[in-house]
PDB file of N, CA and C in Angstrom:
ATOM      1  N   UNK A   1    -124.323  20.510-202.340  1.00  0.00           N
ATOM      2  CA  UNK A   1    -123.277  20.028-203.127  1.00  0.00           C
ATOM      3  C   UNK A   1    -122.586  19.190-202.038  1.00  0.00           C
ATOM      4  N   UNK A   2    -121.442  18.598-202.629  1.00  0.00           N
ATOM      5  CA  UNK A   2    -120.805  17.700-201.722  1.00  0.00           C
ATOM      6  C   UNK A   2    -119.652  18.474-201.220  1.00  0.00           C
ATOM      7  N   UNK A   3    -118.862  18.164-200.146  1.00  0.00           N
ATOM      8  CA  UNK A   3    -117.832  19.025-199.734  1.00  0.00           C
ATOM      9  C   UNK A   3    -116.737  18.996-200.623  1.00  0.00           C
ATOM     10  N   UNK A   4    -116.361  17.886-201.546  1.00  0.00           N
ATOM     11  CA  UNK A   4    -115.269  18.050-202.199  1.00  0.00           C
ATOM     12  C   UNK A   4    -115.413  18.964-203.571  1.00  0.00           C
ATOM     13  N   UNK A   5    -116.849  19.045-203.805  1.00  0.00           N
ATOM     14  CA  UNK A   5    -116.983  20.154-204.906  1.00  0.00           C
ATOM     15  C   UNK A   5    -117.013  21.470-204.344  1.00  0.00           C
ATOM     16  N   UNK A   6    -117.365  21.704-203.105  1.00  0.00           N
ATOM     17  CA  UNK A   6    -117.513  22.953-202.380  1.00  0.00           C
ATOM     18  C   UNK A   6    -116.001  23.213-202.338  1.00  0.00           C
ATOM     19  N   UNK A   7    -115.139  22.473-201.891  1.00  0.00           N
ATOM     20  CA  UNK A   7    -113.867  22.773-201.615  1.00  0.00           C
ATOM     21  C   UNK A   7    -113.120  23.288-203.160  1.00  0.00           C
ATOM     22  N   UNK A   8    -113.578  22.675-204.244  1.00  0.00           N
ATOM     23  CA  UNK A   8    -113.019  22.885-205.636  1.00  0.00           C
ATOM     24  C   UNK A   8    -113.633  24.622-206.047  1.00  0.00           C
ATOM     25  N   UNK A   9    -114.673  24.684-205.656  1.00  0.00           N
ATOM     26  CA  UNK A   9    -115.126  25.937-205.774  1.00  0.00           C
ATOM     27  C   UNK A   9    -114.359  27.235-205.004  1.00  0.00           C
ATOM     28  N   UNK A  10    -114.234  26.608-203.919  1.00  0.00           N
ATOM     29  CA  UNK A  10    -113.590  27.766-202.833  1.00  0.00           C
ATOM     30  C   UNK A  10    -112.256  28.179-203.655  1.00  0.00           C
ATOM     31  N   UNK A  11    -111.729  27.068-203.889  1.00  0.00           N
ATOM     32  CA  UNK A  11    -110.309  26.904-204.574  1.00  0.00           C
ATOM     33  C   UNK A  11    -110.262  28.196-205.561  1.00  0.00           C
ATOM     34  N   UNK A  12    -111.079  27.896-206.636  1.00  0.00           N
ATOM     35  CA  UNK A  12    -111.358  28.546-207.847  1.00  0.00           C
ATOM     36  C   UNK A  12    -111.696  29.766-207.526  1.00  0.00           C
ATOM     37  N   UNK A  13    -112.506  30.260-206.493  1.00  0.00           N
ATOM     38  CA  UNK A  13    -112.764  31.684-206.219  1.00  0.00           C
ATOM     39  C   UNK A  13    -111.737  32.713-205.669  1.00  0.00           C
ATOM     40  N   UNK A  14    -110.780  31.566-204.813  1.00  0.00           N
ATOM     41  CA  UNK A  14    -109.471  32.316-204.302  1.00  0.00           C
ATOM     42  C   UNK A  14    -108.700  32.712-205.159  1.00  0.00           C
ATOM     43  N   UNK A  15    -108.552  31.740-206.370  1.00  0.00           N
ATOM     44  CA  UNK A  15    -107.626  32.218-207.333  1.00  0.00           C
ATOM     45  C   UNK A  15    -108.112  33.526-208.213  1.00  0.00           C
ATOM     46  N   UNK A  16    -109.404  33.946-208.221  1.00  0.00           N
ATOM     47  CA  UNK A  16    -109.858  35.042-208.853  1.00  0.00           C
ATOM     48  C   UNK A  16    -109.573  36.294-208.045  1.00  0.00           C
ATOM     49  N   UNK A  17    -108.393  37.156-208.490  1.00  0.00           N
ATOM     50  CA  UNK A  17    -108.103  38.314-207.730  1.00  0.00           C
ATOM     51  C   UNK A  17    -108.579  39.647-208.348  1.00  0.00           C
ATOM     52  N   UNK A  18    -108.640  40.860-207.456  1.00  0.00           N
ATOM     53  CA  UNK A  18    -108.976  41.882-208.073  1.00  0.00           C
ATOM     54  C   UNK A  18    -110.509  42.007-208.481  1.00  0.00           C
ATOM     55  N   UNK A  19    -111.376  41.024-208.174  1.00  0.00           N
ATOM     56  CA  UNK A  19    -112.854  41.218-208.474  1.00  0.00           C
ATOM     57  C   UNK A  19    -113.809  40.851-207.166  1.00  0.00           C
ATOM     58  N   UNK A  20    -114.819  41.574-207.126  1.00  0.00           N
ATOM     59  CA  UNK A  20    -115.689  41.355-206.130  1.00  0.00           C
ATOM     60  C   UNK A  20    -116.457  39.959-206.302  1.00  0.00           C
ATOM     61  N   UNK A  21    -116.350  39.234-205.316  1.00  0.00           N
ATOM     62  CA  UNK A  21    -117.219  37.790-205.306  1.00  0.00           C
ATOM     63  C   UNK A  21    -118.576  37.955-204.305  1.00  0.00           C
ATOM     64  N   UNK A  22    -119.583  37.754-204.758  1.00  0.00           N
ATOM     65  CA  UNK A  22    -120.757  37.392-203.866  1.00  0.00           C
ATOM     66  C   UNK A  22    -120.991  35.711-203.766  1.00  0.00           C
ATOM     67  N   UNK A  23    -120.932  35.307-202.575  1.00  0.00           N
ATOM     68  CA  UNK A  23    -121.212  33.746-202.527  1.00  0.00           C
ATOM     69  C   UNK A  23    -122.481  33.622-201.471  1.00  0.00           C
ATOM     70  N   UNK A  24    -123.587  33.236-202.158  1.00  0.00           N
ATOM     71  CA  UNK A  24    -124.867  32.770-201.279  1.00  0.00           C
ATOM     72  C   UNK A  24    -124.597  31.261-200.853  1.00  0.00           C
ATOM     73  N   UNK A  25    -124.460  30.960-199.791  1.00  0.00           N
ATOM     74  CA  UNK A  25    -124.257  29.760-199.234  1.00  0.00           C
ATOM     75  C   UNK A  25    -125.065  29.258-197.878  1.00  0.00           C
ATOM     76  N   UNK A  26    -125.311  28.054-197.561  1.00  0.00           N
ATOM     77  CA  UNK A  26    -125.738  27.741-196.453  1.00  0.00           C
ATOM     78  C   UNK A  26    -124.955  27.196-195.542  1.00  0.00           C
ATOM     79  N   UNK A  27    -123.570  26.739-196.052  1.00  0.00           N
ATOM     80  CA  UNK A  27    -122.710  26.296-195.312  1.00  0.00           C
ATOM     81  C   UNK A  27    -121.588  27.362-194.689  1.00  0.00           C
ATOM     82  N   UNK A  28    -121.420  27.207-193.544  1.00  0.00           N
ATOM     83  CA  UNK A  28    -120.555  28.153-192.831  1.00  0.00           C
ATOM     84  C   UNK A  28    -118.970  28.045-193.375  1.00  0.00           C
ATOM     85  N   UNK A  29    -118.791  26.782-193.675  1.00  0.00           N
ATOM     86  CA  UNK A  29    -117.496  26.581-194.228  1.00  0.00           C
ATOM     87  C   UNK A  29    -117.196  27.106-195.550  1.00  0.00           C
ATOM     88  N   UNK A  30    -118.357  27.689-196.178  1.00  0.00           N
ATOM     89  CA  UNK A  30    -118.290  28.451-197.638  1.00  0.00           C
ATOM     90  C   UNK A  30    -117.872  29.871-197.512  1.00  0.00           C
ATOM     91  N   UNK A  31    -118.120  30.317-196.291  1.00  0.00           N
ATOM     92  CA  UNK A  31    -117.806  31.812-196.096  1.00  0.00           C
ATOM     93  C   UNK A  31    -116.962  32.356-194.990  1.00  0.00           C
ATOM     94  N   UNK A  32    -116.373  31.349-194.203  1.00  0.00           N
ATOM     95  CA  UNK A  32    -115.458  31.491-193.065  1.00  0.00           C
ATOM     96  C   UNK A  32    -114.373  32.436-193.503  1.00  0.00           C
ATOM     97  N   UNK A  33    -113.891  32.498-194.793  1.00  0.00           N
ATOM     98  CA  UNK A  33    -112.586  33.246-194.756  1.00  0.00           C
ATOM     99  C   UNK A  33    -112.810  34.370-195.421  1.00  0.00           C
ATOM    100  N   UNK A  34    -114.368  34.762-195.804  1.00  0.00           N
ATOM    101  CA  UNK A  34    -114.782  36.143-196.567  1.00  0.00           C
ATOM    102  C   UNK A  34    -114.398  37.058-195.779  1.00  0.00           C
ATOM    103  N   UNK A  35    -114.296  38.551-196.584  1.00  0.00           N
ATOM    104  CA  UNK A  35    -114.090  39.657-196.015  1.00  0.00           C
ATOM    105  C   UNK A  35    -115.414  40.144-195.144  1.00  0.00           C
ATOM    106  N   UNK A  36    -116.621  39.708-195.616  1.00  0.00           N
ATOM    107  CA  UNK A  36    -117.833  40.089-195.098  1.00  0.00           C
ATOM    108  C   UNK A  36    -118.752  39.314-195.442  1.00  0.00           C
ATOM    109  N   UNK A  37    -119.578  39.040-193.974  1.00  0.00           N
ATOM    110  CA  UNK A  37    -120.616  37.852-194.207  1.00  0.00           C
ATOM    111  C   UNK A  37    -121.971  38.574-193.980  1.00  0.00           C
ATOM    112  N   UNK A  38    -122.887  38.432-194.467  1.00  0.00           N
ATOM    113  CA  UNK A  38    -124.373  38.892-194.201  1.00  0.00           C
ATOM    114  C   UNK A  38    -125.135  38.013-193.854  1.00  0.00           C
ATOM    115  N   UNK A  39    -125.766  37.992-192.635  1.00  0.00           N
ATOM    116  CA  UNK A  39    -126.737  36.919-192.183  1.00  0.00           C
ATOM    117  C   UNK A  39    -128.122  37.450-192.502  1.00  0.00           C
ATOM    118  N   UNK A  40    -129.017  36.699-193.281  1.00  0.00           N
ATOM    119  CA  UNK A  40    -130.308  37.280-193.529  1.00  0.00           C
ATOM    120  C   UNK A  40    -131.264  36.172-192.587  1.00  0.00           C
ATOM    121  N   UNK A  41    -132.432  36.898-191.988  1.00  0.00           N
ATOM    122  CA  UNK A  41    -133.438  36.423-191.094  1.00  0.00           C
ATOM    123  C   UNK A  41    -134.841  36.661-191.944  1.00  0.00           C
ATOM    124  N   UNK A  42    -135.537  35.726-192.448  1.00  0.00           N
ATOM    125  CA  UNK A  42    -136.933  36.229-192.834  1.00  0.00           C
ATOM    126  C   UNK A  42    -136.773  37.332-194.121  1.00  0.00           C
ATOM    127  N   UNK A  43    -135.650  37.210-195.073  1.00  0.00           N
ATOM    128  CA  UNK A  43    -135.345  37.824-196.029  1.00  0.00           C
ATOM    129  C   UNK A  43    -134.892  39.360-195.758  1.00  0.00           C
ATOM    130  N   UNK A  44    -134.546  39.580-194.606  1.00  0.00           N
ATOM    131  CA  UNK A  44    -133.865  41.053-193.971  1.00  0.00           C
ATOM    132  C   UNK A  44    -132.417  40.755-193.335  1.00  0.00           C
ATOM    133  N   UNK A  45    -131.691  41.924-193.764  1.00  0.00           N
ATOM    134  CA  UNK A  45    -130.325  41.618-192.984  1.00  0.00           C
ATOM    135  C   UNK A  45    -130.308  41.556-191.586  1.00  0.00           C
ATOM    136  N   UNK A  46    -129.982  40.805-191.130  1.00  0.00           N
ATOM    137  CA  UNK A  46    -129.988  40.609-189.443  1.00  0.00           C
ATOM    138  C   UNK A  46    -128.444  41.094-189.033  1.00  0.00           C
ATOM    139  N   UNK A  47    -127.442  40.796-189.455  1.00  0.00           N
ATOM    140  CA  UNK A  47    -126.361  41.088-189.000  1.00  0.00           C
ATOM    141  C   UNK A  47    -125.210  40.807-190.128  1.00  0.00           C
ATOM    142  N   UNK A  48    -124.112  41.725-190.020  1.00  0.00           N
ATOM    143  CA  UNK A  48    -123.003  41.762-191.057  1.00  0.00           C
ATOM    144  C   UNK A  48    -121.813  41.764-190.148  1.00  0.00           C
ATOM    145  N   UNK A  49    -120.843  40.919-190.652  1.00  0.00           N
ATOM    146  CA  UNK A  49    -119.226  40.882-189.861  1.00  0.00           C
ATOM    147  C   UNK A  49    -118.651  39.835-190.518  1.00  0.00           C
ATOM    148  N   UNK A  50    -117.435  39.767-190.075  1.00  0.00           N
ATOM    149  CA  UNK A  50    -116.455  38.506-190.384  1.00  0.00           C
ATOM    150  C   UNK A  50    -116.916  37.463-189.705  1.00  0.00           C
ATOM    151  N   UNK A  51    -116.429  36.328-190.050  1.00  0.00           N
ATOM    152  CA  UNK A  51    -116.751  34.989-189.295  1.00  0.00           C
ATOM    153  C   UNK A  51    -116.332  35.030-187.734  1.00  0.00           C
ATOM    154  N   UNK A  52    -115.298  35.638-187.356  1.00  0.00           N
ATOM    155  CA  UNK A  52    -114.867  35.955-186.050  1.00  0.00           C
ATOM    156  C   UNK A  52    -115.918  36.779-185.197  1.00  0.00           C
ATOM    157  N   UNK A  53    -116.404  37.992-185.954  1.00  0.00           N
ATOM    158  CA  UNK A  53    -117.068  38.833-185.200  1.00  0.00           C
ATOM    159  C   UNK A  53    -118.496  38.212-185.043  1.00  0.00           C
ATOM    160  N   UNK A  54    -118.974  37.560-186.002  1.00  0.00           N
ATOM    161  CA  UNK A  54    -120.296  36.980-185.988  1.00  0.00           C
ATOM    162  C   UNK A  54    -120.322  35.954-184.830  1.00  0.00           C
ATOM    163  N   UNK A  55    -119.233  34.997-185.000  1.00  0.00           N
ATOM    164  CA  UNK A  55    -119.202  34.124-184.021  1.00  0.00           C
ATOM    165  C   UNK A  55    -119.103  34.553-182.654  1.00  0.00           C
ATOM    166  N   UNK A  56    -118.559  35.721-182.384  1.00  0.00           N
ATOM    167  CA  UNK A  56    -118.655  36.215-180.886  1.00  0.00           C
ATOM    168  C   UNK A  56    -119.633  36.889-180.589  1.00  0.00           C
ATOM    169  N   UNK A  57    -120.757  37.319-181.601  1.00  0.00           N
ATOM    170  CA  UNK A  57    -121.518  38.355-181.050  1.00  0.00           C
ATOM    171  C   UNK A  57    -122.868  37.889-181.417  1.00  0.00           C
ATOM    172  N   UNK A  58    -123.078  37.122-182.785  1.00  0.00           N
ATOM    173  CA  UNK A  58    -124.497  37.005-183.033  1.00  0.00           C
ATOM    174  C   UNK A  58    -125.084  35.751-182.806  1.00  0.00           C
ATOM    175  N   UNK A  59    -126.088  35.613-182.313  1.00  0.00           N
ATOM    176  CA  UNK A  59    -126.597  34.120-181.811  1.00  0.00           C
ATOM    177  C   UNK A  59    -127.217  33.500-182.970  1.00  0.00           C
ATOM    178  N   UNK A  60    -127.712  34.203-184.085  1.00  0.00           N
ATOM    179  CA  UNK A  60    -128.070  33.361-184.942  1.00  0.00           C
ATOM    180  C   UNK A  60    -126.986  32.654-185.795  1.00  0.00           C
ATOM    181  N   UNK A  61    -125.903  33.277-186.217  1.00  0.00           N
ATOM    182  CA  UNK A  61    -124.894  32.908-186.591  1.00  0.00           C
ATOM    183  C   UNK A  61    -124.072  31.698-185.879  1.00  0.00           C
ATOM    184  N   UNK A  62    -124.141  31.960-184.511  1.00  0.00           N
ATOM    185  CA  UNK A  62    -123.560  31.037-183.575  1.00  0.00           C
ATOM    186  C   UNK A  62    -124.486  29.788-183.737  1.00  0.00           C
ATOM    187  N   UNK A  63    -125.659  29.788-183.774  1.00  0.00           N
ATOM    188  CA  UNK A  63    -126.820  28.534-183.954  1.00  0.00           C
ATOM    189  C   UNK A  63    -126.146  27.761-185.201  1.00  0.00           C
ATOM    190  N   UNK A  64    -126.291  28.741-186.373  1.00  0.00           N
ATOM    191  CA  UNK A  64    -125.904  27.816-187.485  1.00  0.00           C
ATOM    192  C   UNK A  64    -124.341  27.036-187.581  1.00  0.00           C
ATOM    193  N   UNK A  65    -123.471  27.889-187.011  1.00  0.00           N
ATOM    194  CA  UNK A  65    -122.011  27.726-186.857  1.00  0.00           C
ATOM    195  C   UNK A  65    -122.173  26.109-186.291  1.00  0.00           C
ATOM    196  N   UNK A  66    -122.783  26.321-184.743  1.00  0.00           N
ATOM    197  CA  UNK A  66    -122.525  25.130-184.055  1.00  0.00           C
ATOM    198  C   UNK A  66    -123.354  23.874-184.391  1.00  0.00           C
ATOM    199  N   UNK A  67    -124.516  24.180-185.087  1.00  0.00           N
ATOM    200  CA  UNK A  67    -125.165  23.048-185.698  1.00  0.00           C
ATOM    201  C   UNK A  67    -124.743  22.396-186.890  1.00  0.00           C
ATOM    202  N   UNK A  68    -124.008  22.939-187.524  1.00  0.00           N
ATOM    203  CA  UNK A  68    -123.016  22.676-188.811  1.00  0.00           C
ATOM    204  C   UNK A  68    -121.719  22.025-188.416  1.00  0.00           C
ATOM    205  N   UNK A  69    -121.148  22.339-187.361  1.00  0.00           N
ATOM    206  CA  UNK A  69    -119.801  21.979-186.876  1.00  0.00           C
ATOM    207  C   UNK A  69    -119.855  20.897-185.834  1.00  0.00           C
ATOM    208  N   UNK A  70    -120.890  20.398-185.308  1.00  0.00           N
ATOM    209  CA  UNK A  70    -121.062  19.402-184.140  1.00  0.00           C
ATOM    210  C   UNK A  70    -120.642  17.951-184.932  1.00  0.00           C
ATOM    211  N   UNK A  71    -119.912  17.391-184.451  1.00  0.00           N
ATOM    212  CA  UNK A  71    -119.690  15.809-184.922  1.00  0.00           C
ATOM    213  C   UNK A  71    -119.206  15.800-186.436  1.00  0.00           C
ATOM    214  N   UNK A  72    -118.706  16.739-186.853  1.00  0.00           N
ATOM    215  CA  UNK A  72    -118.138  16.478-188.061  1.00  0.00           C
ATOM    216  C   UNK A  72    -117.336  17.509-188.974  1.00  0.00           C
ATOM    217  N   UNK A  73    -117.037  18.644-188.587  1.00  0.00           N
ATOM    218  CA  UNK A  73    -116.306  19.686-189.084  1.00  0.00           C
ATOM    219  C   UNK A  73    -117.034  20.090-190.604  1.00  0.00           C
ATOM    220  N   UNK A  74    -116.267  20.090-191.278  1.00  0.00           N
ATOM    221  CA  UNK A  74    -116.820  20.555-193.009  1.00  0.00           C
ATOM    222  C   UNK A  74    -117.932  19.558-193.409  1.00  0.00           C
ATOM    223  N   UNK A  75    -117.935  18.450-193.076  1.00  0.00           N
ATOM    224  CA  UNK A  75    -118.993  17.281-193.362  1.00  0.00           C
ATOM    225  C   UNK A  75    -120.076  17.205-192.572  1.00  0.00           C
ATOM    226  N   UNK A  76    -120.127  18.266-191.661  1.00  0.00           N
ATOM    227  CA  UNK A  76    -121.315  18.185-190.555  1.00  0.00           C
ATOM    228  C   UNK A  76    -122.735  18.714-191.356  1.00  0.00           C
ATOM    229  N   UNK A  77    -123.922  18.567-190.764  1.00  0.00           N
ATOM    230  CA  UNK A  77    -125.070  18.981-191.179  1.00  0.00           C
ATOM    231  C   UNK A  77    -125.058  20.195-192.004  1.00  0.00           C
ATOM    232  N   UNK A  78    -125.869  20.338-193.012  1.00  0.00           N
ATOM    233  CA  UNK A  78    -126.012  21.472-193.964  1.00  0.00           C
ATOM    234  C   UNK A  78    -127.260  22.461-193.211  1.00  0.00           C
ATOM    235  N   UNK A  79    -128.007  22.029-192.330  1.00  0.00           N
ATOM    236  CA  UNK A  79    -128.806  22.699-191.905  1.00  0.00           C
ATOM    237  C   UNK A  79    -128.855  24.017-191.575  1.00  0.00           C
ATOM    238  N   UNK A  80    -129.387  24.935-192.285  1.00  0.00           N
ATOM    239  CA  UNK A  80    -129.615  26.174-192.272  1.00  0.00           C
ATOM    240  C   UNK A  80    -130.559  26.775-191.907  1.00  0.00           C
ATOM    241  N   UNK A  81    -130.904  27.597-190.757  1.00  0.00           N
ATOM    242  CA  UNK A  81    -132.387  28.190-190.707  1.00  0.00           C
ATOM    243  C   UNK A  81    -132.922  29.292-191.558  1.00  0.00           C
ATOM    244  N   UNK A  82    -131.862  29.960-192.432  1.00  0.00           N
ATOM    245  CA  UNK A  82    -132.089  31.162-192.900  1.00  0.00           C
ATOM    246  C   UNK A  82    -132.402  30.843-194.554  1.00  0.00           C
TER     247      UNK A  82
END
């Protein structure tokens, strides 16, 4: 999906209060502000944490983040290795 549509979906989800939301995403920008991120590798849970925690400690999340953020912020590559 394009970044404008993604932004609209994130805004609509943010407006939903008092409910649990599960977001399955390839883009880091889709989950950066969530309470908990689960990183999957080969169908198994590899790591769990916030964006800040995973960015500081998890090499897979770091790789995904850097590949998507280089040269374009939210419009960067959608490449996801999981």
